Amino acid sequence: MWIVSALGLYILVSIFSSGTSDPNARWKILGIAIGSAVIQVYVTHLMPNLLGFLAALALSLGFIVAGLMLWLKVERTPALKIVGSYFALCVALVVVFALLPHAQR
């Protein structure tokens, strides 16, 4: 699931952030996406319950906002749009992956 969410974050940043002048922006976006996914994996591994998912999501969203605003120099409004869309994507992925095993019965 974390690969799908990292890919979704990469696409959302590419859509919402207006063209940055940094030639290494794509690699920075990829670094933020992978870092976010790693945070989600380790926190949910440490706390494998709903509280762990919520903590992982909150830490991941904070990491994304910090990375976008401080490293990529994305303005606040586009950064919040990206994080809001990413939150919706994560919730949708959790619902889909939770319902997927029940669809085969």
C-alpha atoms as a PDB file:
ATOM      1  CA  MET A   1       0.000   0.000   0.000  1.00  0.00           C
ATOM      2  CA  TRP A   2       2.849   2.403   0.752  1.00  0.00           C
ATOM      3  CA  ILE A   3       4.105   2.209  -2.838  1.00  0.00           C
ATOM      4  CA  VAL A   4       0.686   3.281  -4.114  1.00  0.00           C
ATOM      5  CA  SER A   5       0.507   6.149  -1.622  1.00  0.00           C
ATOM      6  CA  ALA A   6       4.050   7.309  -2.505  1.00  0.00           C
ATOM      7  CA  LEU A   7       3.148   7.264  -6.190  1.00  0.00           C
ATOM      8  CA  GLY A   8      -0.063   9.170  -5.433  1.00  0.00           C
ATOM      9  CA  LEU A   9       1.866  11.805  -3.497  1.00  0.00           C
ATOM     10  CA  TYR A  10       4.335  12.212  -6.369  1.00  0.00           C
ATOM     11  CA  ILE A  11       1.458  12.736  -8.801  1.00  0.00           C
ATOM     12  CA  LEU A  12      -0.347  15.186  -6.473  1.00  0.00           C
ATOM     13  CA  VAL A  13       2.775  17.285  -6.002  1.00  0.00           C
ATOM     14  CA  SER A  14       3.354  17.319  -9.747  1.00  0.00           C
ATOM     15  CA  ILE A  15      -0.218  18.491 -10.344  1.00  0.00           C
ATOM     16  CA  PHE A  16      -0.644  21.095  -7.596  1.00  0.00           C
ATOM     17  CA  SER A  17       2.777  22.702  -7.393  1.00  0.00           C
ATOM     18  CA  SER A  18       3.385  25.203 -10.116  1.00  0.00           C
ATOM     19  CA  GLY A  19       6.612  24.585 -11.974  1.00  0.00           C
ATOM     20  CA  THR A  20       9.519  25.068  -9.637  1.00  0.00           C
ATOM     21  CA  SER A  21      12.786  26.431 -10.955  1.00  0.00           C
ATOM     22  CA  ASP A  22      14.832  23.787  -9.140  1.00  0.00           C
ATOM     23  CA  PRO A  23      16.294  21.271 -11.639  1.00  0.00           C
ATOM     24  CA  ASN A  24      16.346  18.577  -8.935  1.00  0.00           C
ATOM     25  CA  ALA A  25      12.701  19.047  -7.942  1.00  0.00           C
ATOM     26  CA  ARG A  26      11.621  15.632  -9.215  1.00  0.00           C
ATOM     27  CA  TRP A  27      14.210  13.895  -7.070  1.00  0.00           C
ATOM     28  CA  LYS A  28      13.206  15.967  -4.068  1.00  0.00           C
ATOM     29  CA  ILE A  29       9.541  15.073  -4.605  1.00  0.00           C
ATOM     30  CA  LEU A  30      10.525  11.417  -4.852  1.00  0.00           C
ATOM     31  CA  GLY A  31      12.539  11.751  -1.634  1.00  0.00           C
ATOM     32  CA  ILE A  32       9.581  13.271   0.196  1.00  0.00           C
ATOM     33  CA  ALA A  33       7.271  10.543  -1.120  1.00  0.00           C
ATOM     34  CA  ILE A  34       9.627   7.744  -0.072  1.00  0.00           C
ATOM     35  CA  GLY A  35      10.278   9.380   3.318  1.00  0.00           C
ATOM     36  CA  SER A  36       6.561   9.665   3.926  1.00  0.00           C
ATOM     37  CA  ALA A  37       6.033   6.030   3.001  1.00  0.00           C
ATOM     38  CA  VAL A  38       8.855   4.903   5.299  1.00  0.00           C
ATOM     39  CA  ILE A  39       7.331   6.857   8.188  1.00  0.00           C
ATOM     40  CA  GLN A  40       3.967   5.202   7.555  1.00  0.00           C
ATOM     41  CA  VAL A  41       5.473   1.713   7.380  1.00  0.00           C
ATOM     42  CA  TYR A  42       7.527   1.996  10.569  1.00  0.00           C
ATOM     43  CA  VAL A  43       4.879   3.661  12.712  1.00  0.00           C
ATOM     44  CA  THR A  44       2.180   1.189  11.666  1.00  0.00           C
ATOM     45  CA  HIS A  45       4.662  -1.629  12.304  1.00  0.00           C
ATOM     46  CA  LEU A  46       5.278  -0.328  15.837  1.00  0.00           C
ATOM     47  CA  MET A  47       1.561   0.213  16.530  1.00  0.00           C
ATOM     48  CA  PRO A  48      -0.511  -2.159  14.337  1.00  0.00           C
ATOM     49  CA  ASN A  49      -3.943  -0.785  15.206  1.00  0.00           C
ATOM     50  CA  LEU A  50      -6.166   2.160  14.329  1.00  0.00           C
ATOM     51  CA  LEU A  51      -4.251   4.484  16.644  1.00  0.00           C
ATOM     52  CA  GLY A  52      -1.036   3.492  14.858  1.00  0.00           C
ATOM     53  CA  PHE A  53      -2.591   4.288  11.492  1.00  0.00           C
ATOM     54  CA  LEU A  54      -3.735   7.700  12.710  1.00  0.00           C
ATOM     55  CA  ALA A  55      -0.327   8.453  14.248  1.00  0.00           C
ATOM     56  CA  ALA A  56       1.448   7.350  11.076  1.00  0.00           C
ATOM     57  CA  LEU A  57      -0.820   9.493   8.955  1.00  0.00           C
ATOM     58  CA  ALA A  58      -0.363  12.561  11.166  1.00  0.00           C
ATOM     59  CA  LEU A  59       3.438  12.204  11.218  1.00  0.00           C
ATOM     60  CA  SER A  60       3.501  11.568   7.492  1.00  0.00           C
ATOM     61  CA  LEU A  61       1.368  14.629   6.731  1.00  0.00           C
ATOM     62  CA  GLY A  62       3.591  16.787   8.926  1.00  0.00           C
ATOM     63  CA  PHE A  63       6.686  15.463   7.159  1.00  0.00           C
ATOM     64  CA  ILE A  64       5.142  16.187   3.761  1.00  0.00           C
ATOM     65  CA  VAL A  65       4.170  19.763   4.650  1.00  0.00           C
ATOM     66  CA  ALA A  66       7.612  20.444   6.096  1.00  0.00           C
ATOM     67  CA  GLY A  67       9.345  18.936   3.080  1.00  0.00           C
ATOM     68  CA  LEU A  68       7.224  20.804   0.578  1.00  0.00           C
ATOM     69  CA  MET A  69       7.509  24.186   2.258  1.00  0.00           C
ATOM     70  CA  LEU A  70      11.101  24.034   3.468  1.00  0.00           C
ATOM     71  CA  TRP A  71      12.881  21.900   0.888  1.00  0.00           C
ATOM     72  CA  LEU A  72      10.899  22.491  -2.303  1.00  0.00           C
ATOM     73  CA  LYS A  73       9.829  26.049  -1.403  1.00  0.00           C
ATOM     74  CA  VAL A  74       6.178  25.382  -2.263  1.00  0.00           C
ATOM     75  CA  GLU A  75       3.851  28.080  -0.962  1.00  0.00           C
ATOM     76  CA  ARG A  76       1.501  27.336   1.907  1.00  0.00           C
ATOM     77  CA  THR A  77      -1.786  27.129  -0.031  1.00  0.00           C
ATOM     78  CA  PRO A  78      -0.605  24.587  -2.640  1.00  0.00           C
ATOM     79  CA  ALA A  79       1.140  22.593   0.102  1.00  0.00           C
ATOM     80  CA  LEU A  80      -2.092  22.370   2.095  1.00  0.00           C
ATOM     81  CA  LYS A  81      -4.029  21.367  -1.047  1.00  0.00           C
ATOM     82  CA  ILE A  82      -1.506  18.601  -1.671  1.00  0.00           C
ATOM     83  CA  VAL A  83      -1.692  17.351   1.920  1.00  0.00           C
ATOM     84  CA  GLY A  84      -5.506  17.478   1.966  1.00  0.00           C
ATOM     85  CA  SER A  85      -5.722  15.513  -1.263  1.00  0.00           C
ATOM     86  CA  TYR A  86      -3.120  13.061   0.014  1.00  0.00           C
ATOM     87  CA  PHE A  87      -5.136  12.542   3.206  1.00  0.00           C
ATOM     88  CA  ALA A  88      -8.217  11.701   1.129  1.00  0.00           C
ATOM     89  CA  LEU A  89      -6.132   9.337  -0.993  1.00  0.00           C
ATOM     90  CA  CYS A  90      -4.811   7.525   2.100  1.00  0.00           C
ATOM     91  CA  VAL A  91      -8.283   7.132   3.585  1.00  0.00           C
ATOM     92  CA  ALA A  92      -9.598   5.793   0.261  1.00  0.00           C
ATOM     93  CA  LEU A  93      -6.707   3.325   0.033  1.00  0.00           C
ATOM     94  CA  VAL A  94      -7.337   2.046   3.550  1.00  0.00           C
ATOM     95  CA  VAL A  95     -11.023   1.516   2.774  1.00  0.00           C
ATOM     96  CA  VAL A  96     -10.239  -0.276  -0.496  1.00  0.00           C
ATOM     97  CA  PHE A  97      -7.569  -2.508   1.039  1.00  0.00           C
ATOM     98  CA  ALA A  98      -9.808  -3.267   4.031  1.00  0.00           C
ATOM     99  CA  LEU A  99     -12.723  -4.284   1.793  1.00  0.00           C
ATOM    100  CA  LEU A 100     -10.620  -6.177  -0.753  1.00  0.00           C
ATOM    101  CA  PRO A 101     -10.338  -9.444   1.222  1.00  0.00           C
ATOM    102  CA  HIS A 102     -14.114  -9.498   1.767  1.00  0.00           C
ATOM    103  CA  ALA A 103     -14.860  -9.175  -1.952  1.00  0.00           C
ATOM    104  CA  GLN A 104     -13.456 -12.640  -2.696  1.00  0.00           C
ATOM    105  CA  ARG A 105     -15.915 -14.488  -0.448  1.00  0.00           C
END
